[in-house]
Amino acid sequence: MRTDYVIPLTTKLASYVEKLEQDKDASTSAAEAKAIEKELSKLYKQQAELNTFDEKLRHYADQRISLDLDDGVKVNYGKFGDLLAEVKAVVGKDA
């Protein structure tokens, strides 16, 4: 997942941010620069979130967690902590 999704997305996001920064520097109107700045702010937050997710994902990938289908969804889902969405809805508050 990390090499198929996270790393390529990080690269694309960084190149898009770089392009927007160049567009902002080259913009002639204040309204255009403000719109680009707003988009950049959103992208910076997304980059930070993606970097945090990547660190968590790398940590769990390095652990080489084994899954046993006989354990069921609750047990296997719980092995990944807060990495997965809605973990508390699946395993309960004990996650």
N, C-alpha and C. Protein backbone atom coordinates (compact mmCIF):
# COMPACT_ATOMS: atom_id res chain seq x y z
N MET A 1 0.83 -1.19 0.00
CA MET A 1 0.00 0.00 0.00
C MET A 1 0.87 1.25 0.00
N ARG A 2 1.92 1.20 0.78
CA ARG A 2 2.76 2.38 0.90
C ARG A 2 3.44 2.70 -0.43
N THR A 3 4.00 1.70 -1.09
CA THR A 3 4.70 1.96 -2.35
C THR A 3 3.74 2.14 -3.51
N ASP A 4 2.55 1.57 -3.41
CA ASP A 4 1.58 1.70 -4.50
C ASP A 4 0.75 2.97 -4.41
N TYR A 5 0.59 3.50 -3.20
CA TYR A 5 -0.33 4.62 -3.04
C TYR A 5 0.31 5.84 -2.36
N VAL A 6 0.86 5.65 -1.19
CA VAL A 6 1.31 6.79 -0.38
C VAL A 6 2.49 7.52 -1.02
N ILE A 7 3.50 6.81 -1.43
CA ILE A 7 4.69 7.45 -1.99
C ILE A 7 4.39 8.18 -3.30
N PRO A 8 3.66 7.55 -4.26
CA PRO A 8 3.32 8.30 -5.47
C PRO A 8 2.43 9.52 -5.19
N LEU A 9 1.51 9.39 -4.25
CA LEU A 9 0.65 10.51 -3.90
C LEU A 9 1.45 11.65 -3.28
N THR A 10 2.41 11.31 -2.44
CA THR A 10 3.27 12.32 -1.83
C THR A 10 4.05 13.08 -2.90
N THR A 11 4.57 12.36 -3.88
CA THR A 11 5.33 12.97 -4.97
C THR A 11 4.45 13.90 -5.80
N LYS A 12 3.25 13.43 -6.16
CA LYS A 12 2.34 14.25 -6.95
C LYS A 12 1.92 15.50 -6.19
N LEU A 13 1.64 15.34 -4.92
CA LEU A 13 1.22 16.46 -4.09
C LEU A 13 2.33 17.50 -3.99
N ALA A 14 3.57 17.05 -3.81
CA ALA A 14 4.70 17.97 -3.71
C ALA A 14 4.91 18.74 -5.01
N SER A 15 4.78 18.05 -6.15
CA SER A 15 4.99 18.74 -7.43
C SER A 15 3.85 19.73 -7.70
N TYR A 16 2.63 19.39 -7.27
CA TYR A 16 1.51 20.32 -7.44
C TYR A 16 1.68 21.55 -6.55
N VAL A 17 2.15 21.35 -5.34
CA VAL A 17 2.40 22.47 -4.44
C VAL A 17 3.47 23.38 -5.03
N GLU A 18 4.51 22.79 -5.57
CA GLU A 18 5.59 23.58 -6.17
C GLU A 18 5.06 24.41 -7.34
N LYS A 19 4.21 23.79 -8.17
CA LYS A 19 3.63 24.51 -9.30
C LYS A 19 2.76 25.67 -8.83
N LEU A 20 1.95 25.43 -7.81
CA LEU A 20 1.09 26.49 -7.28
C LEU A 20 1.91 27.63 -6.68
N GLU A 21 3.01 27.29 -6.02
CA GLU A 21 3.87 28.34 -5.46
C GLU A 21 4.45 29.20 -6.57
N GLN A 22 4.82 28.58 -7.67
CA GLN A 22 5.33 29.34 -8.82
C GLN A 22 4.22 30.21 -9.42
N ASP A 23 3.01 29.64 -9.52
CA ASP A 23 1.88 30.41 -10.04
C ASP A 23 1.56 31.60 -9.15
N LYS A 24 1.68 31.39 -7.84
CA LYS A 24 1.40 32.47 -6.90
C LYS A 24 2.41 33.60 -7.08
N ASP A 25 3.68 33.24 -7.24
CA ASP A 25 4.71 34.25 -7.44
C ASP A 25 4.52 35.01 -8.76
N ALA A 26 3.98 34.31 -9.77
CA ALA A 26 3.79 34.92 -11.08
C ALA A 26 2.44 35.61 -11.23
N SER A 27 1.56 35.45 -10.28
CA SER A 27 0.21 36.02 -10.42
C SER A 27 0.27 37.55 -10.38
N THR A 28 -0.62 38.15 -11.14
CA THR A 28 -0.64 39.60 -11.23
C THR A 28 -1.76 40.22 -10.41
N SER A 29 -2.80 39.47 -10.14
CA SER A 29 -3.91 40.04 -9.37
C SER A 29 -3.88 39.52 -7.93
N ALA A 30 -4.32 40.36 -7.04
CA ALA A 30 -4.35 40.00 -5.62
C ALA A 30 -5.37 38.90 -5.36
N ALA A 31 -6.48 38.93 -6.08
CA ALA A 31 -7.53 37.91 -5.90
C ALA A 31 -7.01 36.53 -6.31
N GLU A 32 -6.28 36.50 -7.41
CA GLU A 32 -5.72 35.22 -7.87
C GLU A 32 -4.69 34.70 -6.87
N ALA A 33 -3.84 35.57 -6.37
CA ALA A 33 -2.83 35.18 -5.40
C ALA A 33 -3.49 34.68 -4.11
N LYS A 34 -4.57 35.32 -3.70
CA LYS A 34 -5.29 34.92 -2.49
C LYS A 34 -5.92 33.53 -2.68
N ALA A 35 -6.48 33.27 -3.84
CA ALA A 35 -7.08 31.97 -4.13
C ALA A 35 -6.02 30.87 -4.14
N ILE A 36 -4.89 31.18 -4.72
CA ILE A 36 -3.79 30.21 -4.75
C ILE A 36 -3.28 29.96 -3.33
N GLU A 37 -3.17 31.02 -2.55
CA GLU A 37 -2.72 30.87 -1.16
C GLU A 37 -3.68 29.99 -0.35
N LYS A 38 -4.96 30.16 -0.59
CA LYS A 38 -5.96 29.33 0.10
C LYS A 38 -5.80 27.86 -0.29
N GLU A 39 -5.61 27.61 -1.57
CA GLU A 39 -5.40 26.24 -2.05
C GLU A 39 -4.11 25.66 -1.48
N LEU A 40 -3.06 26.46 -1.43
CA LEU A 40 -1.79 26.02 -0.87
C LEU A 40 -1.93 25.66 0.61
N SER A 41 -2.68 26.46 1.33
CA SER A 41 -2.90 26.18 2.75
C SER A 41 -3.58 24.82 2.94
N LYS A 42 -4.58 24.56 2.11
CA LYS A 42 -5.27 23.26 2.16
C LYS A 42 -4.31 22.12 1.83
N LEU A 43 -3.47 22.33 0.82
CA LEU A 43 -2.53 21.28 0.41
C LEU A 43 -1.44 21.04 1.46
N TYR A 44 -1.00 22.09 2.14
CA TYR A 44 -0.01 21.92 3.21
C TYR A 44 -0.57 21.05 4.33
N LYS A 45 -1.84 21.27 4.66
CA LYS A 45 -2.48 20.45 5.68
C LYS A 45 -2.58 18.99 5.22
N GLN A 46 -2.92 18.80 3.95
CA GLN A 46 -3.01 17.44 3.41
C GLN A 46 -1.65 16.76 3.40
N GLN A 47 -0.61 17.53 3.08
CA GLN A 47 0.75 16.98 3.10
C GLN A 47 1.12 16.54 4.52
N ALA A 48 0.81 17.35 5.49
CA ALA A 48 1.13 17.01 6.88
C ALA A 48 0.38 15.75 7.31
N GLU A 49 -0.89 15.67 6.94
CA GLU A 49 -1.68 14.49 7.28
C GLU A 49 -1.14 13.24 6.59
N LEU A 50 -0.76 13.38 5.33
CA LEU A 50 -0.22 12.25 4.59
C LEU A 50 1.13 11.81 5.17
N ASN A 51 1.96 12.76 5.58
CA ASN A 51 3.24 12.41 6.19
C ASN A 51 3.05 11.68 7.51
N THR A 52 2.08 12.13 8.31
CA THR A 52 1.77 11.46 9.57
C THR A 52 1.29 10.04 9.31
N PHE A 53 0.40 9.89 8.33
CA PHE A 53 -0.10 8.56 7.98
C PHE A 53 1.03 7.67 7.49
N ASP A 54 1.93 8.22 6.69
CA ASP A 54 3.06 7.46 6.16
C ASP A 54 3.96 6.95 7.28
N GLU A 55 4.21 7.79 8.27
CA GLU A 55 5.04 7.37 9.41
C GLU A 55 4.38 6.22 10.17
N LYS A 56 3.07 6.35 10.42
CA LYS A 56 2.35 5.28 11.11
C LYS A 56 2.36 4.00 10.28
N LEU A 57 2.12 4.14 8.99
CA LEU A 57 2.09 2.98 8.10
C LEU A 57 3.45 2.30 8.06
N ARG A 58 4.52 3.09 8.00
CA ARG A 58 5.87 2.52 7.99
C ARG A 58 6.14 1.76 9.28
N HIS A 59 5.69 2.32 10.41
CA HIS A 59 5.88 1.66 11.71
C HIS A 59 5.21 0.29 11.73
N TYR A 60 3.96 0.24 11.28
CA TYR A 60 3.25 -1.04 11.27
C TYR A 60 3.82 -1.99 10.22
N ALA A 61 4.27 -1.47 9.10
CA ALA A 61 4.87 -2.33 8.07
C ALA A 61 6.18 -2.94 8.57
N ASP A 62 6.96 -2.16 9.32
CA ASP A 62 8.21 -2.68 9.87
C ASP A 62 7.98 -3.77 10.89
N GLN A 63 6.82 -3.77 11.53
CA GLN A 63 6.53 -4.80 12.53
C GLN A 63 6.18 -6.14 11.90
N ARG A 64 5.86 -6.14 10.62
CA ARG A 64 5.49 -7.37 9.91
C ARG A 64 4.41 -8.14 10.67
N ILE A 65 3.33 -7.48 10.94
CA ILE A 65 2.22 -8.06 11.70
C ILE A 65 1.59 -9.19 10.89
N SER A 66 1.45 -10.32 11.54
CA SER A 66 0.81 -11.46 10.85
C SER A 66 -0.67 -11.46 11.17
N LEU A 67 -1.45 -11.77 10.17
CA LEU A 67 -2.89 -11.83 10.32
C LEU A 67 -3.34 -13.28 10.22
N ASP A 68 -4.26 -13.65 11.07
CA ASP A 68 -4.82 -14.99 11.04
C ASP A 68 -6.32 -14.84 10.79
N LEU A 69 -6.77 -15.38 9.67
CA LEU A 69 -8.17 -15.24 9.32
C LEU A 69 -9.09 -15.89 10.33
N ASP A 70 -8.60 -16.86 11.07
CA ASP A 70 -9.41 -17.52 12.09
C ASP A 70 -9.67 -16.61 13.29
N ASP A 71 -8.84 -15.57 13.46
CA ASP A 71 -9.02 -14.64 14.57
C ASP A 71 -10.23 -13.74 14.37
N GLY A 72 -10.60 -13.49 13.16
CA GLY A 72 -11.74 -12.64 12.87
C GLY A 72 -11.34 -11.19 12.63
N VAL A 73 -12.31 -10.44 12.19
CA VAL A 73 -12.07 -9.04 11.81
C VAL A 73 -11.69 -8.20 13.02
N LYS A 74 -12.39 -8.37 14.13
CA LYS A 74 -12.12 -7.53 15.29
C LYS A 74 -10.68 -7.65 15.76
N VAL A 75 -10.18 -8.84 15.85
CA VAL A 75 -8.82 -9.05 16.33
C VAL A 75 -7.80 -8.51 15.32
N ASN A 76 -7.97 -8.87 14.05
CA ASN A 76 -7.02 -8.44 13.02
C ASN A 76 -7.07 -6.93 12.81
N TYR A 77 -8.24 -6.34 12.83
CA TYR A 77 -8.39 -4.90 12.65
C TYR A 77 -7.74 -4.16 13.82
N GLY A 78 -7.89 -4.71 15.01
CA GLY A 78 -7.33 -4.09 16.20
C GLY A 78 -5.81 -4.09 16.25
N LYS A 79 -5.17 -4.94 15.47
CA LYS A 79 -3.71 -5.00 15.45
C LYS A 79 -3.08 -3.75 14.83
N PHE A 80 -3.88 -2.96 14.14
CA PHE A 80 -3.34 -1.80 13.43
C PHE A 80 -3.64 -0.48 14.11
N GLY A 81 -4.09 -0.53 15.35
CA GLY A 81 -4.29 0.69 16.12
C GLY A 81 -5.16 1.71 15.42
N ASP A 82 -4.71 2.96 15.41
CA ASP A 82 -5.49 4.03 14.80
C ASP A 82 -5.14 4.27 13.33
N LEU A 83 -4.42 3.34 12.73
CA LEU A 83 -4.04 3.48 11.33
C LEU A 83 -5.26 3.37 10.41
N LEU A 84 -6.19 2.52 10.77
CA LEU A 84 -7.36 2.29 9.93
C LEU A 84 -8.52 3.17 10.38
N ALA A 85 -9.34 3.55 9.43
CA ALA A 85 -10.51 4.38 9.74
C ALA A 85 -11.54 3.57 10.50
N GLU A 86 -12.24 4.21 11.37
CA GLU A 86 -13.34 3.62 12.11
C GLU A 86 -12.95 2.39 12.93
N VAL A 87 -11.74 2.35 13.44
CA VAL A 87 -11.28 1.19 14.20
C VAL A 87 -12.13 0.98 15.44
N LYS A 88 -12.53 2.06 16.08
CA LYS A 88 -13.35 1.92 17.29
C LYS A 88 -14.73 1.37 16.99
N ALA A 89 -15.25 1.65 15.81
CA ALA A 89 -16.56 1.13 15.44
C ALA A 89 -16.51 -0.39 15.24
N VAL A 90 -15.35 -0.90 14.85
CA VAL A 90 -15.23 -2.33 14.59
C VAL A 90 -14.84 -3.09 15.85
N VAL A 91 -13.83 -2.62 16.56
CA VAL A 91 -13.30 -3.39 17.72
C VAL A 91 -13.82 -2.89 19.05
N GLY A 92 -14.52 -1.81 19.07
CA GLY A 92 -15.01 -1.27 20.33
C GLY A 92 -14.04 -0.25 20.89
N LYS A 93 -14.29 0.18 22.09
CA LYS A 93 -13.47 1.23 22.70
C LYS A 93 -12.14 0.71 23.25
N ASP A 94 -11.92 -0.59 23.18
CA ASP A 94 -10.69 -1.19 23.72
C ASP A 94 -9.53 -1.13 22.74
N ALA A 95 -9.71 -0.52 21.58
CA ALA A 95 -8.67 -0.55 20.54
C ALA A 95 -7.37 0.02 20.99
